[in-house]
PDB file of N, CA and C in Angstrom:
ATOM      1  N   MET A   1       6.379   8.944 -28.939  1.00  0.00           N
ATOM      2  CA  MET A   1       6.212   9.707 -27.761  1.00  0.00           C
ATOM      3  C   MET A   1       7.619   9.913 -27.013  1.00  0.00           C
ATOM      4  N   THR A   2       7.718  11.163 -26.680  1.00  0.00           N
ATOM      5  CA  THR A   2       9.010  11.618 -26.084  1.00  0.00           C
ATOM      6  C   THR A   2       9.176  11.027 -24.650  1.00  0.00           C
ATOM      7  N   ALA A   3      10.373  11.149 -24.034  1.00  0.00           N
ATOM      8  CA  ALA A   3      10.431  10.750 -22.675  1.00  0.00           C
ATOM      9  C   ALA A   3       9.771  11.776 -21.727  1.00  0.00           C
ATOM     10  N   LYS A   4       9.644  13.069 -22.069  1.00  0.00           N
ATOM     11  CA  LYS A   4       8.769  13.940 -21.376  1.00  0.00           C
ATOM     12  C   LYS A   4       7.375  13.620 -21.328  1.00  0.00           C
ATOM     13  N   GLN A   5       6.824  13.200 -22.530  1.00  0.00           N
ATOM     14  CA  GLN A   5       5.325  12.781 -22.646  1.00  0.00           C
ATOM     15  C   GLN A   5       4.935  11.603 -22.205  1.00  0.00           C
ATOM     16  N   ARG A   6       5.978  10.656 -21.640  1.00  0.00           N
ATOM     17  CA  ARG A   6       5.633   9.319 -21.134  1.00  0.00           C
ATOM     18  C   ARG A   6       5.146   9.645 -19.752  1.00  0.00           C
ATOM     19  N   ARG A   7       4.078   9.005 -19.355  1.00  0.00           N
ATOM     20  CA  ARG A   7       3.417   9.114 -18.228  1.00  0.00           C
ATOM     21  C   ARG A   7       4.419   8.557 -16.948  1.00  0.00           C
ATOM     22  N   GLN A   8       4.412   9.123 -15.996  1.00  0.00           N
ATOM     23  CA  GLN A   8       5.239   8.732 -14.829  1.00  0.00           C
ATOM     24  C   GLN A   8       4.669   7.363 -14.360  1.00  0.00           C
ATOM     25  N   PRO A   9       5.498   6.448 -13.860  1.00  0.00           N
ATOM     26  CA  PRO A   9       5.032   5.100 -13.385  1.00  0.00           C
ATOM     27  C   PRO A   9       4.272   5.374 -11.983  1.00  0.00           C
ATOM     28  N   GLU A  10       3.405   4.550 -11.730  1.00  0.00           N
ATOM     29  CA  GLU A  10       2.582   4.408 -10.508  1.00  0.00           C
ATOM     30  C   GLU A  10       3.235   3.327  -9.713  1.00  0.00           C
ATOM     31  N   LEU A  11       3.618   3.463  -8.360  1.00  0.00           N
ATOM     32  CA  LEU A  11       4.086   2.753  -7.580  1.00  0.00           C
ATOM     33  C   LEU A  11       3.230   2.772  -6.176  1.00  0.00           C
ATOM     34  N   LEU A  12       2.517   1.641  -5.939  1.00  0.00           N
ATOM     35  CA  LEU A  12       1.665   1.520  -4.849  1.00  0.00           C
ATOM     36  C   LEU A  12       2.238   0.715  -3.855  1.00  0.00           C
ATOM     37  N   VAL A  13       2.205   1.068  -2.614  1.00  0.00           N
ATOM     38  CA  VAL A  13       2.743   0.348  -1.379  1.00  0.00           C
ATOM     39  C   VAL A  13       1.645  -0.069  -0.595  1.00  0.00           C
ATOM     40  N   ILE A  14       1.542  -1.424  -0.624  1.00  0.00           N
ATOM     41  CA  ILE A  14       0.452  -1.909   0.249  1.00  0.00           C
ATOM     42  C   ILE A  14       1.287  -2.646   1.479  1.00  0.00           C
ATOM     43  N   THR A  15       0.472  -2.022   2.735  1.00  0.00           N
ATOM     44  CA  THR A  15       1.059  -2.466   3.906  1.00  0.00           C
ATOM     45  C   THR A  15       0.035  -2.911   4.906  1.00  0.00           C
ATOM     46  N   GLY A  16       0.263  -3.574   5.933  1.00  0.00           N
ATOM     47  CA  GLY A  16      -0.706  -3.989   6.818  1.00  0.00           C
ATOM     48  C   GLY A  16      -0.101  -5.048   7.743  1.00  0.00           C
ATOM     49  N   LEU A  17      -0.882  -5.527   8.806  1.00  0.00           N
ATOM     50  CA  LEU A  17      -0.361  -6.680   9.625  1.00  0.00           C
ATOM     51  C   LEU A  17      -0.761  -7.971   8.976  1.00  0.00           C
ATOM     52  N   SER A  18      -0.356  -8.957   9.596  1.00  0.00           N
ATOM     53  CA  SER A  18      -0.594 -10.221   9.076  1.00  0.00           C
ATOM     54  C   SER A  18      -2.026 -10.619   9.083  1.00  0.00           C
ATOM     55  N   GLY A  19      -2.606 -11.102   7.981  1.00  0.00           N
ATOM     56  CA  GLY A  19      -4.118 -11.224   7.818  1.00  0.00           C
ATOM     57  C   GLY A  19      -4.959 -10.164   7.561  1.00  0.00           C
ATOM     58  N   SER A  20      -4.321  -8.934   7.281  1.00  0.00           N
ATOM     59  CA  SER A  20      -4.949  -7.811   6.934  1.00  0.00           C
ATOM     60  C   SER A  20      -5.476  -7.947   5.472  1.00  0.00           C
ATOM     61  N   GLY A  21      -5.205  -8.659   4.609  1.00  0.00           N
ATOM     62  CA  GLY A  21      -5.692  -8.922   3.186  1.00  0.00           C
ATOM     63  C   GLY A  21      -4.808  -8.327   2.085  1.00  0.00           C
ATOM     64  N   LYS A  22      -3.409  -8.210   2.542  1.00  0.00           N
ATOM     65  CA  LYS A  22      -2.536  -7.782   1.514  1.00  0.00           C
ATOM     66  C   LYS A  22      -2.299  -8.670   0.378  1.00  0.00           C
ATOM     67  N   THR A  23      -2.367  -9.789   0.485  1.00  0.00           N
ATOM     68  CA  THR A  23      -2.206 -10.823  -0.575  1.00  0.00           C
ATOM     69  C   THR A  23      -3.535 -10.719  -1.516  1.00  0.00           C
ATOM     70  N   HIS A  24      -4.487 -10.506  -0.890  1.00  0.00           N
ATOM     71  CA  HIS A  24      -5.902 -10.558  -1.805  1.00  0.00           C
ATOM     72  C   HIS A  24      -5.618  -9.234  -2.631  1.00  0.00           C
ATOM     73  N   VAL A  25      -5.274  -8.185  -2.021  1.00  0.00           N
ATOM     74  CA  VAL A  25      -5.198  -6.927  -2.719  1.00  0.00           C
ATOM     75  C   VAL A  25      -4.283  -7.138  -3.913  1.00  0.00           C
ATOM     76  N   SER A  26      -2.965  -7.601  -3.712  1.00  0.00           N
ATOM     77  CA  SER A  26      -1.966  -7.897  -4.644  1.00  0.00           C
ATOM     78  C   SER A  26      -2.555  -8.806  -5.816  1.00  0.00           C
ATOM     79  N   ARG A  27      -3.345  -9.783  -5.547  1.00  0.00           N
ATOM     80  CA  ARG A  27      -3.933 -10.682  -6.349  1.00  0.00           C
ATOM     81  C   ARG A  27      -4.902  -9.836  -7.319  1.00  0.00           C
ATOM     82  N   ALA A  28      -5.787  -9.114  -6.727  1.00  0.00           N
ATOM     83  CA  ALA A  28      -6.570  -8.222  -7.649  1.00  0.00           C
ATOM     84  C   ALA A  28      -5.913  -7.332  -8.357  1.00  0.00           C
ATOM     85  N   LEU A  29      -4.910  -6.777  -8.021  1.00  0.00           N
ATOM     86  CA  LEU A  29      -4.123  -5.690  -8.937  1.00  0.00           C
ATOM     87  C   LEU A  29      -3.493  -6.506  -9.875  1.00  0.00           C
ATOM     88  N   GLU A  30      -2.882  -7.694  -9.697  1.00  0.00           N
ATOM     89  CA  GLU A  30      -2.335  -8.566 -10.729  1.00  0.00           C
ATOM     90  C   GLU A  30      -3.444  -8.936 -11.799  1.00  0.00           C
ATOM     91  N   ASP A  31      -4.577  -9.252 -11.417  1.00  0.00           N
ATOM     92  CA  ASP A  31      -5.640  -9.352 -12.368  1.00  0.00           C
ATOM     93  C   ASP A  31      -5.914  -8.213 -13.145  1.00  0.00           C
ATOM     94  N   ALA A  32      -5.770  -7.030 -12.659  1.00  0.00           N
ATOM     95  CA  ALA A  32      -5.879  -5.826 -13.422  1.00  0.00           C
ATOM     96  C   ALA A  32      -4.785  -5.282 -14.184  1.00  0.00           C
ATOM     97  N   GLY A  33      -3.708  -6.204 -14.182  1.00  0.00           N
ATOM     98  CA  GLY A  33      -2.583  -5.947 -15.097  1.00  0.00           C
ATOM     99  C   GLY A  33      -1.415  -5.250 -14.437  1.00  0.00           C
ATOM    100  N   TRP A  34      -1.475  -5.072 -12.952  1.00  0.00           N
ATOM    101  CA  TRP A  34      -0.347  -4.672 -12.331  1.00  0.00           C
ATOM    102  C   TRP A  34       0.849  -5.730 -12.058  1.00  0.00           C
ATOM    103  N   PHE A  35       2.021  -5.192 -11.876  1.00  0.00           N
ATOM    104  CA  PHE A  35       3.237  -6.046 -11.628  1.00  0.00           C
ATOM    105  C   PHE A  35       3.377  -5.872  -9.999  1.00  0.00           C
ATOM    106  N   CYS A  36       3.241  -7.048  -9.339  1.00  0.00           N
ATOM    107  CA  CYS A  36       3.216  -6.987  -7.812  1.00  0.00           C
ATOM    108  C   CYS A  36       4.316  -7.722  -7.327  1.00  0.00           C
ATOM    109  N   VAL A  37       4.980  -7.100  -6.182  1.00  0.00           N
ATOM    110  CA  VAL A  37       5.960  -7.997  -5.594  1.00  0.00           C
ATOM    111  C   VAL A  37       5.627  -8.018  -4.043  1.00  0.00           C
ATOM    112  N   ASP A  38       5.647  -9.272  -3.621  1.00  0.00           N
ATOM    113  CA  ASP A  38       5.197  -9.356  -2.174  1.00  0.00           C
ATOM    114  C   ASP A  38       6.463  -9.807  -1.237  1.00  0.00           C
ATOM    115  N   ASN A  39       6.445  -9.164  -0.175  1.00  0.00           N
ATOM    116  CA  ASN A  39       7.523  -9.144   0.931  1.00  0.00           C
ATOM    117  C   ASN A  39       8.956  -8.804   0.412  1.00  0.00           C
ATOM    118  N   LEU A  40       8.880  -7.721  -0.367  1.00  0.00           N
ATOM    119  CA  LEU A  40      10.159  -7.124  -0.696  1.00  0.00           C
ATOM    120  C   LEU A  40      10.730  -6.472   0.478  1.00  0.00           C
ATOM    121  N   PRO A  41      12.118  -6.827   0.782  1.00  0.00           N
ATOM    122  CA  PRO A  41      12.729  -6.164   2.041  1.00  0.00           C
ATOM    123  C   PRO A  41      12.936  -4.708   1.801  1.00  0.00           C
ATOM    124  N   MET A  42      12.604  -3.996   2.837  1.00  0.00           N
ATOM    125  CA  MET A  42      12.689  -2.502   2.863  1.00  0.00           C
ATOM    126  C   MET A  42      13.977  -1.944   2.304  1.00  0.00           C
ATOM    127  N   ALA A  43      15.043  -2.630   2.378  1.00  0.00           N
ATOM    128  CA  ALA A  43      16.309  -2.153   2.055  1.00  0.00           C
ATOM    129  C   ALA A  43      16.437  -2.060   0.470  1.00  0.00           C
ATOM    130  N   LEU A  44      15.523  -3.003  -0.188  1.00  0.00           N
ATOM    131  CA  LEU A  44      15.580  -3.091  -1.848  1.00  0.00           C
ATOM    132  C   LEU A  44      14.546  -2.100  -2.388  1.00  0.00           C
ATOM    133  N   VAL A  45      13.702  -1.443  -1.449  1.00  0.00           N
ATOM    134  CA  VAL A  45      12.630  -0.712  -2.059  1.00  0.00           C
ATOM    135  C   VAL A  45      13.283   0.583  -2.835  1.00  0.00           C
ATOM    136  N   PRO A  46      14.217   1.269  -2.471  1.00  0.00           N
ATOM    137  CA  PRO A  46      14.706   2.283  -3.249  1.00  0.00           C
ATOM    138  C   PRO A  46      15.262   1.923  -4.786  1.00  0.00           C
ATOM    139  N   ALA A  47      16.096   0.858  -4.880  1.00  0.00           N
ATOM    140  CA  ALA A  47      16.606   0.228  -5.980  1.00  0.00           C
ATOM    141  C   ALA A  47      15.376  -0.113  -6.911  1.00  0.00           C
ATOM    142  N   PHE A  48      14.304  -0.938  -6.234  1.00  0.00           N
ATOM    143  CA  PHE A  48      13.172  -1.273  -7.104  1.00  0.00           C
ATOM    144  C   PHE A  48      12.453  -0.120  -7.592  1.00  0.00           C
ATOM    145  N   ALA A  49      12.247   0.877  -6.797  1.00  0.00           N
ATOM    146  CA  ALA A  49      11.493   2.127  -7.313  1.00  0.00           C
ATOM    147  C   ALA A  49      12.218   2.727  -8.400  1.00  0.00           C
ATOM    148  N   GLU A  50      13.493   2.710  -8.539  1.00  0.00           N
ATOM    149  CA  GLU A  50      14.180   3.190  -9.672  1.00  0.00           C
ATOM    150  C   GLU A  50      14.081   2.387 -10.833  1.00  0.00           C
ATOM    151  N   LEU A  51      14.097   0.920 -10.604  1.00  0.00           N
ATOM    152  CA  LEU A  51      14.028  -0.037 -11.696  1.00  0.00           C
ATOM    153  C   LEU A  51      12.617   0.326 -12.309  1.00  0.00           C
ATOM    154  N   ALA A  52      11.623   0.490 -11.502  1.00  0.00           N
ATOM    155  CA  ALA A  52      10.212   0.729 -12.150  1.00  0.00           C
ATOM    156  C   ALA A  52      10.070   2.017 -12.785  1.00  0.00           C
ATOM    157  N   ARG A  53      10.905   3.171 -12.335  1.00  0.00           N
ATOM    158  CA  ARG A  53      10.798   4.319 -13.067  1.00  0.00           C
ATOM    159  C   ARG A  53      11.471   4.214 -14.411  1.00  0.00           C
ATOM    160  N   ARG A  54      12.495   3.365 -14.557  1.00  0.00           N
ATOM    161  CA  ARG A  54      13.138   3.308 -15.829  1.00  0.00           C
ATOM    162  C   ARG A  54      12.447   2.353 -16.748  1.00  0.00           C
ATOM    163  N   SER A  55      11.773   1.363 -16.410  1.00  0.00           N
ATOM    164  CA  SER A  55      11.068   0.370 -17.121  1.00  0.00           C
ATOM    165  C   SER A  55       9.729   0.500 -17.531  1.00  0.00           C
ATOM    166  N   PRO A  56       9.492   0.623 -18.891  1.00  0.00           N
ATOM    167  CA  PRO A  56       8.111   0.676 -19.465  1.00  0.00           C
ATOM    168  C   PRO A  56       7.082  -0.196 -19.055  1.00  0.00           C
ATOM    169  N   GLU A  57       7.840  -1.642 -18.748  1.00  0.00           N
ATOM    170  CA  GLU A  57       7.001  -2.698 -18.280  1.00  0.00           C
ATOM    171  C   GLU A  57       6.387  -2.589 -17.021  1.00  0.00           C
ATOM    172  N   LEU A  58       7.019  -1.650 -16.193  1.00  0.00           N
ATOM    173  CA  LEU A  58       6.627  -1.655 -14.843  1.00  0.00           C
ATOM    174  C   LEU A  58       5.873  -0.374 -14.473  1.00  0.00           C
ATOM    175  N   GLN A  59       5.116   0.108 -15.406  1.00  0.00           N
ATOM    176  CA  GLN A  59       4.387   1.400 -15.215  1.00  0.00           C
ATOM    177  C   GLN A  59       3.309   1.326 -14.058  1.00  0.00           C
ATOM    178  N   HIS A  60       2.860   0.163 -13.865  1.00  0.00           N
ATOM    179  CA  HIS A  60       1.938  -0.077 -12.739  1.00  0.00           C
ATOM    180  C   HIS A  60       2.484  -1.040 -11.880  1.00  0.00           C
ATOM    181  N   THR A  61       3.021  -0.781 -10.791  1.00  0.00           N
ATOM    182  CA  THR A  61       3.779  -1.608  -9.844  1.00  0.00           C
ATOM    183  C   THR A  61       3.179  -1.506  -8.474  1.00  0.00           C
ATOM    184  N   ALA A  62       3.090  -2.554  -7.621  1.00  0.00           N
ATOM    185  CA  ALA A  62       2.719  -2.623  -6.375  1.00  0.00           C
ATOM    186  C   ALA A  62       3.691  -3.304  -5.515  1.00  0.00           C
ATOM    187  N   LEU A  63       4.040  -2.848  -4.345  1.00  0.00           N
ATOM    188  CA  LEU A  63       4.871  -3.534  -3.374  1.00  0.00           C
ATOM    189  C   LEU A  63       3.981  -3.913  -2.164  1.00  0.00           C
ATOM    190  N   VAL A  64       4.133  -5.134  -1.721  1.00  0.00           N
ATOM    191  CA  VAL A  64       3.538  -5.569  -0.517  1.00  0.00           C
ATOM    192  C   VAL A  64       4.722  -5.524   0.625  1.00  0.00           C
ATOM    193  N   VAL A  65       4.552  -4.690   1.640  1.00  0.00           N
ATOM    194  CA  VAL A  65       5.639  -4.709   2.705  1.00  0.00           C
ATOM    195  C   VAL A  65       5.090  -4.829   4.195  1.00  0.00           C
ATOM    196  N   ASP A  66       5.785  -5.400   4.929  1.00  0.00           N
ATOM    197  CA  ASP A  66       5.416  -5.616   6.312  1.00  0.00           C
ATOM    198  C   ASP A  66       5.654  -4.441   7.123  1.00  0.00           C
ATOM    199  N   LEU A  67       4.702  -3.878   7.763  1.00  0.00           N
ATOM    200  CA  LEU A  67       4.943  -2.669   8.582  1.00  0.00           C
ATOM    201  C   LEU A  67       5.949  -2.852   9.825  1.00  0.00           C
ATOM    202  N   ARG A  68       6.035  -3.950  10.131  1.00  0.00           N
ATOM    203  CA  ARG A  68       6.880  -4.234  11.425  1.00  0.00           C
ATOM    204  C   ARG A  68       8.417  -4.436  11.073  1.00  0.00           C
ATOM    205  N   GLU A  69       8.788  -4.646   9.701  1.00  0.00           N
ATOM    206  CA  GLU A  69      10.113  -4.919   9.420  1.00  0.00           C
ATOM    207  C   GLU A  69      11.034  -3.876   9.763  1.00  0.00           C
ATOM    208  N   ARG A  70      10.713  -2.526   9.644  1.00  0.00           N
ATOM    209  CA  ARG A  70      11.635  -1.461   9.949  1.00  0.00           C
ATOM    210  C   ARG A  70      11.229  -0.631  11.193  1.00  0.00           C
ATOM    211  N   GLY A  71      10.458  -1.337  12.163  1.00  0.00           N
ATOM    212  CA  GLY A  71      10.217  -0.680  13.511  1.00  0.00           C
ATOM    213  C   GLY A  71       9.239   0.572  13.318  1.00  0.00           C
ATOM    214  N   PHE A  72       8.361   0.478  12.317  1.00  0.00           N
ATOM    215  CA  PHE A  72       7.369   1.463  12.262  1.00  0.00           C
ATOM    216  C   PHE A  72       6.528   1.496  13.533  1.00  0.00           C
ATOM    217  N   THR A  73       6.131   2.705  14.088  1.00  0.00           N
ATOM    218  CA  THR A  73       5.417   2.687  15.336  1.00  0.00           C
ATOM    219  C   THR A  73       4.128   3.581  15.058  1.00  0.00           C
ATOM    220  N   GLU A  74       4.095   4.358  13.943  1.00  0.00           N
ATOM    221  CA  GLU A  74       2.931   5.284  13.845  1.00  0.00           C
ATOM    222  C   GLU A  74       2.359   4.875  12.478  1.00  0.00           C
ATOM    223  N   LEU A  75       1.045   4.934  12.544  1.00  0.00           N
ATOM    224  CA  LEU A  75       0.356   4.405  11.353  1.00  0.00           C
ATOM    225  C   LEU A  75      -0.849   5.515  11.042  1.00  0.00           C
ATOM    226  N   HIS A  76      -0.971   5.994   9.806  1.00  0.00           N
ATOM    227  CA  HIS A  76      -2.086   6.889   9.326  1.00  0.00           C
ATOM    228  C   HIS A  76      -2.897   6.040   8.471  1.00  0.00           C
ATOM    229  N   VAL A  77      -4.121   5.905   8.876  1.00  0.00           N
ATOM    230  CA  VAL A  77      -5.175   5.097   8.059  1.00  0.00           C
ATOM    231  C   VAL A  77      -6.221   5.821   7.423  1.00  0.00           C
ATOM    232  N   CYS A  78      -6.514   5.387   6.197  1.00  0.00           N
ATOM    233  CA  CYS A  78      -7.589   6.078   5.426  1.00  0.00           C
ATOM    234  C   CYS A  78      -8.146   5.101   4.580  1.00  0.00           C
ATOM    235  N   GLY A  79      -9.199   5.367   3.923  1.00  0.00           N
ATOM    236  CA  GLY A  79      -9.946   4.610   2.803  1.00  0.00           C
ATOM    237  C   GLY A  79     -11.393   4.740   2.978  1.00  0.00           C
ATOM    238  N   LEU A  80     -11.994   3.795   2.090  1.00  0.00           N
ATOM    239  CA  LEU A  80     -13.422   3.712   1.991  1.00  0.00           C
ATOM    240  C   LEU A  80     -13.839   2.882   3.041  1.00  0.00           C
ATOM    241  N   ALA A  81     -15.143   2.875   3.441  1.00  0.00           N
ATOM    242  CA  ALA A  81     -15.699   2.030   4.525  1.00  0.00           C
ATOM    243  C   ALA A  81     -15.150   2.458   5.784  1.00  0.00           C
ATOM    244  N   ARG A  82     -14.971   3.783   6.168  1.00  0.00           N
ATOM    245  CA  ARG A  82     -14.554   4.140   7.460  1.00  0.00           C
ATOM    246  C   ARG A  82     -15.210   3.398   8.540  1.00  0.00           C
ATOM    247  N   ASP A  83     -16.495   3.164   8.496  1.00  0.00           N
ATOM    248  CA  ASP A  83     -17.164   2.474   9.608  1.00  0.00           C
ATOM    249  C   ASP A  83     -17.153   1.269   9.596  1.00  0.00           C
ATOM    250  N   TYR A  84     -16.343   0.526   8.843  1.00  0.00           N
ATOM    251  CA  TYR A  84     -15.952  -0.884   8.860  1.00  0.00           C
ATOM    252  C   TYR A  84     -14.569  -1.245   8.635  1.00  0.00           C
ATOM    253  N   CYS A  85     -14.090  -1.187   7.496  1.00  0.00           N
ATOM    254  CA  CYS A  85     -12.513  -1.445   7.288  1.00  0.00           C
ATOM    255  C   CYS A  85     -11.578  -0.644   7.822  1.00  0.00           C
ATOM    256  N   VAL A  86     -11.848   0.650   7.852  1.00  0.00           N
ATOM    257  CA  VAL A  86     -10.882   1.645   8.445  1.00  0.00           C
ATOM    258  C   VAL A  86     -11.033   1.512   9.848  1.00  0.00           C
ATOM    259  N   ALA A  87     -12.060   1.419  10.434  1.00  0.00           N
ATOM    260  CA  ALA A  87     -12.229   1.249  11.869  1.00  0.00           C
ATOM    261  C   ALA A  87     -11.728   0.038  12.490  1.00  0.00           C
ATOM    262  N   TRP A  88     -11.895  -1.120  11.706  1.00  0.00           N
ATOM    263  CA  TRP A  88     -11.312  -2.310  12.214  1.00  0.00           C
ATOM    264  C   TRP A  88      -9.757  -2.336  12.004  1.00  0.00           C
ATOM    265  N   THR A  89      -9.187  -1.766  10.927  1.00  0.00           N
ATOM    266  CA  THR A  89      -7.878  -1.642  10.738  1.00  0.00           C
ATOM    267  C   THR A  89      -7.196  -0.797  11.797  1.00  0.00           C
ATOM    268  N   ALA A  90      -7.775   0.324  12.123  1.00  0.00           N
ATOM    269  CA  ALA A  90      -7.253   1.196  13.235  1.00  0.00           C
ATOM    270  C   ALA A  90      -7.281   0.395  14.573  1.00  0.00           C
ATOM    271  N   ALA A  91      -8.374  -0.278  14.836  1.00  0.00           N
ATOM    272  CA  ALA A  91      -8.442  -1.038  16.150  1.00  0.00           C
ATOM    273  C   ALA A  91      -7.460  -1.945  16.202  1.00  0.00           C
ATOM    274  N   ASP A  92      -7.127  -2.803  15.068  1.00  0.00           N
ATOM    275  CA  ASP A  92      -6.328  -4.012  15.151  1.00  0.00           C
ATOM    276  C   ASP A  92      -4.679  -3.427  15.288  1.00  0.00           C
ATOM    277  N   ALA A  93      -4.644  -2.345  14.486  1.00  0.00           N
ATOM    278  CA  ALA A  93      -3.303  -1.735  14.609  1.00  0.00           C
ATOM    279  C   ALA A  93      -2.922  -1.166  16.038  1.00  0.00           C
ATOM    280  N   ARG A  94      -3.989  -0.607  16.720  1.00  0.00           N
ATOM    281  CA  ARG A  94      -3.686  -0.247  18.065  1.00  0.00           C
ATOM    282  C   ARG A  94      -3.437  -1.362  19.003  1.00  0.00           C
ATOM    283  N   ALA A  95      -4.141  -2.411  18.779  1.00  0.00           N
ATOM    284  CA  ALA A  95      -4.044  -3.623  19.603  1.00  0.00           C
ATOM    285  C   ALA A  95      -2.624  -4.118  19.440  1.00  0.00           C
ATOM    286  N   ALA A  96      -2.109  -3.940  18.173  1.00  0.00           N
ATOM    287  CA  ALA A  96      -0.734  -4.456  17.878  1.00  0.00           C
ATOM    288  C   ALA A  96       0.301  -3.572  18.298  1.00  0.00           C
ATOM    289  N   GLY A  97      -0.052  -2.371  19.039  1.00  0.00           N
ATOM    290  CA  GLY A  97       1.043  -1.429  19.610  1.00  0.00           C
ATOM    291  C   GLY A  97       1.206  -0.241  18.638  1.00  0.00           C
ATOM    292  N   PHE A  98       0.634  -0.011  17.608  1.00  0.00           N
ATOM    293  CA  PHE A  98       1.000   1.043  16.808  1.00  0.00           C
ATOM    294  C   PHE A  98       0.164   2.411  17.450  1.00  0.00           C
ATOM    295  N   ASP A  99       0.766   3.451  17.232  1.00  0.00           N
ATOM    296  CA  ASP A  99       0.193   4.811  17.383  1.00  0.00           C
ATOM    297  C   ASP A  99      -0.595   5.211  16.154  1.00  0.00           C
ATOM    298  N   VAL A 100      -1.848   5.098  16.341  1.00  0.00           N
ATOM    299  CA  VAL A 100      -2.750   5.353  14.900  1.00  0.00           C
ATOM    300  C   VAL A 100      -3.551   6.500  14.842  1.00  0.00           C
ATOM    301  N   THR A 101      -3.296   7.073  13.740  1.00  0.00           N
ATOM    302  CA  THR A 101      -4.298   8.300  13.406  1.00  0.00           C
ATOM    303  C   THR A 101      -5.040   7.898  12.196  1.00  0.00           C
ATOM    304  N   VAL A 102      -6.548   8.247  12.409  1.00  0.00           N
ATOM    305  CA  VAL A 102      -7.412   7.949  11.119  1.00  0.00           C
ATOM    306  C   VAL A 102      -7.409   9.407  10.486  1.00  0.00           C
ATOM    307  N   VAL A 103      -7.092   9.422   9.249  1.00  0.00           N
ATOM    308  CA  VAL A 103      -7.033  10.629   8.428  1.00  0.00           C
ATOM    309  C   VAL A 103      -8.634  10.877   7.865  1.00  0.00           C
ATOM    310  N   GLU A 104      -9.402  11.435   8.644  1.00  0.00           N
ATOM    311  CA  GLU A 104     -10.898  11.504   8.500  1.00  0.00           C
ATOM    312  C   GLU A 104     -11.144  12.122   6.979  1.00  0.00           C
ATOM    313  N   GLU A 105     -10.503  13.164   6.465  1.00  0.00           N
ATOM    314  CA  GLU A 105     -10.692  13.799   5.219  1.00  0.00           C
ATOM    315  C   GLU A 105     -10.409  12.983   3.962  1.00  0.00           C
ATOM    316  N   ALA A 106      -9.707  11.792   4.500  1.00  0.00           N
ATOM    317  CA  ALA A 106      -9.545  10.787   3.183  1.00  0.00           C
ATOM    318  C   ALA A 106     -10.301   9.551   3.422  1.00  0.00           C
ATOM    319  N   CYS A 107     -11.425   9.689   4.115  1.00  0.00           N
ATOM    320  CA  CYS A 107     -12.278   8.364   4.434  1.00  0.00           C
ATOM    321  C   CYS A 107     -13.540   8.664   3.917  1.00  0.00           C
ATOM    322  N   ARG A 108     -14.342   7.697   3.710  1.00  0.00           N
ATOM    323  CA  ARG A 108     -15.803   7.743   3.461  1.00  0.00           C
ATOM    324  C   ARG A 108     -16.495   6.612   4.093  1.00  0.00           C
ATOM    325  N   ALA A 109     -17.653   6.944   4.806  1.00  0.00           N
ATOM    326  CA  ALA A 109     -18.430   5.858   5.536  1.00  0.00           C
ATOM    327  C   ALA A 109     -19.403   5.322   4.496  1.00  0.00           C
ATOM    328  N   ILE A 110     -19.664   3.887   4.774  1.00  0.00           N
ATOM    329  CA  ILE A 110     -20.725   3.183   4.213  1.00  0.00           C
ATOM    330  C   ILE A 110     -22.157   3.748   4.716  1.00  0.00           C
ATOM    331  N   ASN A 111     -22.256   3.804   5.965  1.00  0.00           N
ATOM    332  CA  ASN A 111     -23.387   4.444   6.569  1.00  0.00           C
ATOM    333  C   ASN A 111     -23.144   5.772   7.179  1.00  0.00           C
ATOM    334  N   PRO A 112     -23.503   6.740   6.385  1.00  0.00           N
ATOM    335  CA  PRO A 112     -23.333   8.176   6.913  1.00  0.00           C
ATOM    336  C   PRO A 112     -23.970   8.427   8.172  1.00  0.00           C
TER     337      PRO A 112
END
């Protein structure tokens, strides 16, 4: 397989507030064969992304980062269970002081 034919690596960034389930998500991904890094400082993300791009062993990589580390103030939320998980995440983030937008076209409700 040539370098051009090689599939581009997947880099998933998992973010959220304390208690939002980031660790549970990373554990599930590890069980599925992903390489996960928890609490990587934002300053190291570009270098790590380059490492993942170059390393065949890191084709499926997830990073767990804290939204508050770099002064994020705006959050765009989407996902399944708009009427439960997405709604609760948006409410919790607003209560924590974030400016929250729910991306409706990227959501699906459990109870339509």
